[in-house]
Each structure stands twice: as structure tokens, then as C-alpha cells.
Protein backbone atom coordinates (compact mmCIF):
# COMPACT_ATOMS: atom_id res chain seq x y z
CA MET A 1 129.36 340.84 41.83
CA SER A 2 127.48 339.68 38.77
CA ALA A 3 123.74 339.09 38.71
CA SER A 4 124.26 335.38 38.20
CA GLU A 5 126.24 334.94 41.41
CA PRO A 6 124.28 334.00 44.56
CA VAL A 7 124.06 336.61 47.26
CA PRO A 8 125.73 335.38 50.46
CA VAL A 9 123.31 334.99 53.34
CA PRO A 10 124.66 335.70 56.82
CA ARG A 11 124.39 332.81 59.31
CA VAL A 12 121.97 333.67 62.09
CA ARG A 13 121.82 331.65 65.28
CA PRO A 14 118.23 330.45 65.90
CA ARG A 15 116.47 332.20 68.75
CA GLY A 16 116.24 330.39 72.03
CA ARG A 17 119.31 328.27 71.37
CA VAL A 18 122.16 328.98 73.74
CA PRO A 19 125.45 327.10 73.37
CA ARG A 20 125.59 324.50 76.09
CA ALA A 21 128.56 324.38 78.36
CA ASN A 22 130.51 321.16 78.46
CA PRO A 23 129.03 319.23 81.42
CA THR A 24 132.14 317.14 81.77
CA PRO A 25 134.72 318.52 84.18
CA LYS A 26 138.27 318.87 82.95
CA ALA A 27 139.31 315.63 84.65
CA GLY A 28 136.96 313.88 82.23
CA ARG A 29 134.32 312.25 84.44
CA ASP A 30 131.14 312.96 86.37
CA LEU A 31 132.54 313.29 89.89
CA PRO A 32 129.42 312.41 91.95
CA ALA A 33 128.61 309.38 89.80
CA ALA A 34 132.23 308.21 89.74
CA ILE A 35 132.64 308.42 93.52
CA GLY A 36 129.20 306.93 94.15
CA VAL A 37 129.82 303.91 91.94
CA GLY A 38 133.31 303.48 93.39
CA LEU A 39 132.02 303.49 96.96
CA PHE A 40 129.19 301.10 96.06
CA LEU A 41 131.63 298.64 94.52
CA LEU A 42 134.00 299.02 97.46
CA LEU A 43 131.30 298.37 100.03
CA GLY A 44 130.01 295.38 98.06
CA VAL A 45 133.45 293.87 97.75
CA LEU A 46 134.40 294.51 101.38
CA GLY A 47 131.11 293.08 102.60
CA GLY A 48 131.80 289.77 100.92
CA LEU A 49 135.50 289.85 101.74
CA LEU A 50 135.06 290.36 105.48
CA PHE A 51 131.93 288.28 106.05
CA LEU A 52 131.44 285.76 103.22
CA PRO A 53 134.68 284.93 101.39
CA LEU A 54 133.06 282.84 98.69
CA ALA A 55 130.86 285.82 97.79
CA PHE A 56 133.98 287.95 97.38
CA VAL A 57 135.55 285.41 95.03
CA ALA A 58 132.29 285.17 93.06
CA PHE A 59 132.09 288.97 92.84
CA ILE A 60 135.59 289.50 91.47
CA THR A 61 135.05 286.58 89.08
CA ALA A 62 131.88 288.21 87.78
CA LEU A 63 133.73 291.51 87.30
CA ALA A 64 136.50 289.69 85.42
CA VAL A 65 133.94 287.99 83.17
CA LEU A 66 132.29 291.31 82.35
CA GLY A 67 135.68 292.91 81.71
CA VAL A 68 136.75 290.13 79.35
CA TRP A 69 133.43 290.39 77.52
CA GLU A 70 134.01 294.11 77.00
CA ILE A 71 137.46 293.39 75.57
CA TYR A 72 135.98 290.70 73.31
CA ARG A 73 133.39 293.12 71.93
CA ALA A 74 135.95 295.89 71.41
CA LEU A 75 138.30 293.52 69.58
CA GLU A 76 135.46 292.20 67.45
CA THR A 77 134.63 295.68 66.17
CA ASN A 78 138.25 295.93 65.02
CA GLY A 79 138.18 292.64 63.15
CA THR A 80 139.84 290.37 65.75
CA ARG A 81 137.68 287.51 66.97
CA MET A 82 139.03 286.20 70.25
CA PRO A 83 138.29 282.52 71.09
CA ILE A 84 135.77 283.45 73.74
CA ILE A 85 134.88 279.97 75.05
CA PRO A 86 138.34 278.92 76.30
CA VAL A 87 139.08 282.48 77.41
CA MET A 88 135.88 282.71 79.44
CA THR A 89 136.51 279.27 80.91
CA GLY A 90 139.91 280.43 82.12
CA THR A 91 138.44 283.70 83.39
CA VAL A 92 136.04 281.82 85.64
CA ALA A 93 138.62 279.24 86.72
CA MET A 94 141.56 281.46 87.73
CA PRO A 95 140.12 283.36 90.74
CA ILE A 96 138.58 280.14 92.04
CA ALA A 97 141.86 278.28 91.55
CA SER A 98 143.68 281.03 93.48
CA TYR A 99 141.24 280.81 96.37
CA LEU A 100 141.27 277.03 96.61
CA GLY A 101 144.77 276.09 95.46
CA GLY A 102 147.05 279.09 95.86
CA VAL A 103 149.67 280.44 93.49
CA GLU A 104 150.55 277.02 92.04
CA ALA A 105 146.94 276.43 91.03
CA LEU A 106 146.73 279.92 89.50
CA LEU A 107 149.87 279.38 87.41
CA PHE A 108 148.71 275.93 86.31
CA THR A 109 145.31 277.31 85.27
CA VAL A 110 146.72 280.17 83.19
CA VAL A 111 149.15 277.85 81.39
CA MET A 112 146.47 275.28 80.63
CA THR A 113 144.01 277.92 79.48
CA GLY A 114 146.63 279.49 77.20
CA PHE A 115 147.24 276.05 75.71
CA ALA A 116 143.48 275.61 75.24
CA VAL A 117 143.30 278.92 73.33
CA LEU A 118 146.14 277.81 71.05
CA LEU A 119 144.54 274.39 70.45
CA TRP A 120 141.09 275.89 69.87
CA ARG A 121 142.26 278.24 67.14
CA SER A 122 144.59 275.67 65.61
CA ILE A 123 141.69 273.28 65.12
CA ASP A 124 139.52 276.07 63.74
CA GLY A 125 142.20 276.98 61.21
CA SER A 126 140.42 280.07 59.85
CA ALA A 127 142.13 283.28 58.77
CA GLY A 128 143.40 285.58 61.49
CA SER A 129 144.38 282.77 63.84
CA ALA A 130 147.61 284.44 64.94
CA ASN A 131 145.86 287.67 65.99
CA SER A 132 143.11 285.69 67.66
CA ILE A 133 145.55 283.56 69.68
CA PHE A 134 147.55 286.61 70.73
CA ALA A 135 144.38 288.45 71.77
CA GLY A 136 143.19 285.47 73.81
CA VAL A 137 146.46 284.91 75.65
CA PHE A 138 146.92 288.64 76.21
CA THR A 139 143.42 288.98 77.68
CA LEU A 140 143.93 285.98 79.96
CA ALA A 141 147.18 287.43 81.30
CA TRP A 142 145.77 290.94 81.61
CA VAL A 143 142.48 290.33 83.43
CA PRO A 144 141.80 286.95 85.10
CA PHE A 145 145.42 286.05 85.86
CA MET A 146 146.20 289.37 87.51
CA ILE A 147 142.83 289.60 89.26
CA GLY A 148 143.51 286.12 90.62
CA PHE A 149 146.15 287.67 92.87
CA ALA A 150 143.33 289.41 94.74
CA ALA A 151 142.14 286.01 95.96
CA LEU A 152 145.56 284.55 96.79
CA PRO A 153 145.82 286.00 100.34
CA LEU A 154 142.62 284.13 101.19
CA HIS A 155 144.02 280.74 100.21
CA PRO A 156 145.48 279.58 103.57
CA ALA A 157 142.11 280.19 105.21
CA GLY A 158 140.14 279.34 102.09
CA THR A 159 140.18 275.60 102.69
CA SER A 160 138.32 276.07 105.96
CA ALA A 161 135.90 278.71 104.67
CA THR A 162 135.17 277.44 101.18
CA LEU A 163 131.40 277.44 101.36
CA GLY A 164 130.52 280.02 103.98
CA PHE A 165 131.59 282.42 106.68
CA TRP A 166 134.99 282.54 108.28
CA ASP A 167 135.38 279.86 110.95
CA GLY A 168 134.49 281.24 114.36
CA GLY A 169 133.86 284.65 112.79
CA VAL A 170 137.60 285.42 112.89
CA ILE A 171 138.68 287.37 109.82
CA PRO A 172 142.17 286.25 108.71
CA ASP A 173 145.03 288.63 107.98
CA GLY A 174 144.79 287.92 104.25
CA ALA A 175 141.28 289.37 104.08
CA TRP A 176 142.41 292.56 105.82
CA GLN A 177 145.35 292.83 103.42
CA ILE A 178 143.03 292.71 100.42
CA ALA A 179 140.73 295.25 102.07
CA VAL A 180 143.62 297.69 102.56
CA MET A 181 144.78 297.16 98.97
CA LEU A 182 141.31 297.99 97.62
CA LEU A 183 141.01 300.98 99.94
CA LEU A 184 144.32 302.35 98.61
CA VAL A 185 143.23 301.86 95.00
CA VAL A 186 140.05 303.82 95.67
CA SER A 187 142.07 306.47 97.54
CA ASN A 188 144.42 306.79 94.55
CA ASP A 189 141.53 307.31 92.17
CA THR A 190 139.54 309.67 94.41
CA PHE A 191 142.36 311.94 95.58
CA GLY A 192 143.94 311.97 92.14
CA TYR A 193 140.65 313.00 90.58
CA LEU A 194 139.91 315.72 93.13
CA VAL A 195 143.36 317.30 93.01
CA GLY A 196 143.67 316.88 89.24
CA ALA A 197 140.27 318.45 88.59
CA ILE A 198 141.17 321.53 90.64
CA PHE A 199 144.91 322.00 90.09
CA GLY A 200 145.81 319.79 87.14
CA LYS A 201 147.81 321.68 84.50
CA HIS A 202 150.72 319.44 83.49
CA PRO A 203 149.73 316.17 81.74
CA MET A 204 151.73 313.07 82.63
CA ALA A 205 151.35 311.35 79.27
CA PRO A 206 149.25 313.52 76.92
CA LYS A 207 149.42 311.06 74.03
CA ILE A 208 148.11 308.20 76.19
CA SER A 209 145.84 309.75 78.82
CA PRO A 210 145.61 313.55 78.44
CA LYS A 211 143.37 313.94 81.51
CA LYS A 212 145.96 312.60 83.96
CA SER A 213 148.21 315.29 85.39
CA TRP A 214 151.28 315.38 87.58
CA GLU A 215 149.29 317.41 90.09
CA GLY A 216 146.68 314.64 90.26
CA PHE A 217 149.44 312.05 90.66
CA ALA A 218 150.87 314.02 93.57
CA GLY A 219 147.39 314.17 95.09
CA SER A 220 147.08 310.41 94.74
CA LEU A 221 150.42 309.88 96.48
CA GLY A 222 149.61 312.24 99.33
CA GLY A 223 146.07 311.02 99.94
CA ALA A 224 146.97 307.34 99.62
CA ALA A 225 149.95 307.80 101.97
CA VAL A 226 147.69 309.19 104.71
CA VAL A 227 145.12 306.43 104.19
CA GLY A 228 147.87 303.79 103.99
CA ILE A 229 149.51 304.86 107.24
CA LEU A 230 146.20 304.90 109.13
CA ALA A 231 145.06 301.58 107.66
CA THR A 232 148.39 299.90 108.33
CA ILE A 233 148.48 301.01 111.96
CA PHE A 234 144.83 300.47 112.91
CA VAL A 235 143.80 297.64 110.55
CA LEU A 236 146.93 295.60 109.85
CA ASP A 237 148.71 296.44 113.14
CA ARG A 238 152.00 297.01 111.31
CA PRO A 239 154.61 299.82 111.41
CA TRP A 240 153.58 303.11 109.80
CA TRP A 241 156.29 302.93 107.13
CA VAL A 242 154.67 299.80 105.71
CA GLY A 243 151.66 301.98 104.89
CA VAL A 244 153.89 304.39 102.97
CA VAL A 245 155.43 301.54 100.98
CA LEU A 246 152.00 300.13 100.21
CA ALA A 247 150.60 303.52 99.24
CA VAL A 248 153.43 304.35 96.83
CA ALA A 249 153.30 300.88 95.28
CA MET A 250 149.52 300.98 94.88
CA VAL A 251 149.53 304.45 93.31
CA VAL A 252 152.29 303.53 90.85
CA ALA A 253 150.65 300.19 89.98
CA ALA A 254 147.18 301.70 89.66
CA THR A 255 148.48 304.52 87.45
CA ALA A 256 150.34 302.00 85.27
CA GLY A 257 147.15 299.96 84.97
CA ASP A 258 145.19 303.02 83.94
CA PHE A 259 147.78 303.93 81.31
CA ALA A 260 147.84 300.35 80.01
CA GLU A 261 144.08 300.33 79.48
CA SER A 262 144.23 303.79 77.90
CA MET A 263 146.78 302.52 75.38
CA VAL A 264 144.57 299.53 74.55
CA LYS A 265 141.52 301.76 74.09
CA ARG A 266 143.49 304.19 71.94
CA GLU A 267 144.70 301.29 69.79
CA LEU A 268 141.13 299.99 69.43
CA GLY A 269 139.72 303.48 68.81
CA VAL A 270 137.22 303.49 71.71
CA LYS A 271 136.70 306.05 74.48
CA ASP A 272 135.30 303.63 77.08
CA MET A 273 135.05 299.86 77.02
CA SER A 274 131.29 300.22 77.65
CA SER A 275 128.87 302.43 79.57
CA ILE A 276 127.65 299.99 82.21
CA LEU A 277 129.08 301.96 85.17
CA PRO A 278 128.01 305.63 85.40
CA GLY A 279 130.97 307.94 85.77
CA HIS A 280 133.45 305.17 84.96
CA GLY A 281 132.44 303.77 81.59
CA GLY A 282 132.85 300.01 81.47
CA VAL A 283 133.92 297.42 84.00
CA MET A 284 137.46 297.47 82.61
CA ASP A 285 137.53 301.22 83.16
CA ARG A 286 137.10 300.37 86.86
CA LEU A 287 139.26 297.24 86.94
CA ASP A 288 142.25 298.73 85.13
CA SER A 289 143.84 299.86 88.40
CA VAL A 290 142.91 296.78 90.42
CA VAL A 291 144.41 294.27 88.00
CA PHE A 292 147.85 295.90 88.31
CA ALA A 293 147.55 296.66 92.02
CA SER A 294 146.60 293.10 93.03
CA PRO A 295 149.92 291.38 92.13
CA ALA A 296 151.89 294.39 93.41
CA ALA A 297 150.16 294.20 96.79
CA TYR A 298 150.61 290.43 96.97
CA ILE A 299 154.35 290.73 96.33
CA ILE A 300 154.72 293.43 98.99
CA PHE A 301 152.82 291.44 101.60
CA VAL A 302 155.06 288.43 100.86
CA LEU A 303 158.41 290.21 100.71
CA VAL A 304 158.31 293.31 102.91
CA PRO A 305 159.23 292.63 106.56
CA GLY A 306 156.47 293.35 109.02
CA THR A 307 153.61 292.42 106.70
């Protein structure tokens, strides 16, 4: 080594600094916060659903609005400006239309809102209109349209309970059906997380959602099946096998919803839609399962005998 060359200095770790362990469990979330927020949301939703139907509709509408706003902000950071006014108008209108007018009103609202998005951007005429229109229609179909199915079972009784409590205090079957659907979604998430955090070794789709494992999926199926059977027998007063059908459908739909949101986030380059819900990220990180489970549950309750 020549005299002109610098003498290498060994790297010394500063005293008192100890490498911190990763506080995040291998399933990727803070378990106490995630379960706590999930139970809080569940109790809030069920309270309105079983005692004040209009409050339930208002609650899911507010969640849809927050979810759409998160998508709008994420798209904006990637250079796509969604026509937020017609999209937000449709987001507010669809759950209310489902509650008051049923499936026909929901379909009419989504078609008219999609047309409004197209007209809005056509009049604007600025660059990027095609991406903006696609983003608006996609968001309408993804969040408010699918979440509108959560209010559809309330429609037959909705006309007599529009502004207050259920008539005579009698909770209709549709409200109990929604309650069981939400309970199964939470069961899917909770049992899947617990089993996946302890036993998860084989990822289901590592390129989409590396934290989801086949072991966690099996835990979701098993836990939701037990909850579904008990809820179907004691809450819905239906045969036990209906609970199994519901549980399997809810787990598959909720998992598909989670993967769908993961693909959107990966495409947009974000980890979470926001950080408003501790342990979950954003509202869409909580709604991703519900938006897919709601139409699946509605179809089952309409088509499967005994429901």
C-alpha cells in the first residue's frame, strides 16, 4: 500500500445501539390492533343493522366514500385524475338506492353514474381522459356497486323502516343474513391471520400477496365453517349445511377481494391505501373482503334452498 492511499477504517457499531427486531409479525400486521379495530367496526355495523337500519346504510356509505377517496388519492399520485364529483355522487347514491329501491335501483344508479363519468370527462376534454374514465367506472363497479349488495337484503323491509327503528322491534331475516355475512368475513380474516401467523409456510400467491399462506387459508375455511354452522342454526334457523356453503363462499370471495386489492396496490406502488385504521391500513384494506363477499352472500341467499 502506497503512502498516498487512504488507510481503510474498520466500521464500528456505535455503543448503546442494538439492532431492533422487526415488530411486525410474519403475517404482516399488528394482531391486537387488527382484531380490535375489526371488532369495533363489526359491533358498530351490527348495532346499526339490528337496531337502526338507516344508521347501517349511512355507515357503509361513509366507509365506501372513504374507500373511494383513498383510491382517488392513490391514482392521483400515479398521474391518473379520476372525475371525483360524479364518482362520489354515485358512491353516496348506490347504497341508498339499494336500501330504498332494491336491485333495479342499484343497477339503474350504477349505469347512470357511469354515463355521468363519461359525460363529465368528455366535456372536460383534457389529456388522459381515457384513463380517467376507466378509473372512474372501475372504482364505481369495485366499491359502491358491490357494497350496495350489503343493503339489498334490507330492501323489502326498508320501505317501512326508512327513517328509524324496525317496525314493532322485529328484526327482518334480511338483517340477520347481513349480520351472518359480516361475521363470516371477520371469521375468515381472524382465523386466517392466527393460523397463518403460527403455521404459515406456503404462500398462496407470492407475487400478489406474499403474506397469505395456504395454511392460513385452511384456517379461514375451518374457523368460518364452525362459525357458519353455529350462526346458520341458531341465528338464521336453517340447516347446518347452509352454514358450510356460506362459509366456503365467504372465504373464497373474501380471499379474492383481498387479492384484487393487493394487485391494485402493487400496480399503484403503495403498501396500504392509507393509515387511518390501526393494524389494517386504510379503509379499503378493511373493505376489500366485504365488497366481494356482499354480492356472493346475496346470490347464495337468493338461490340456495333453505335460505
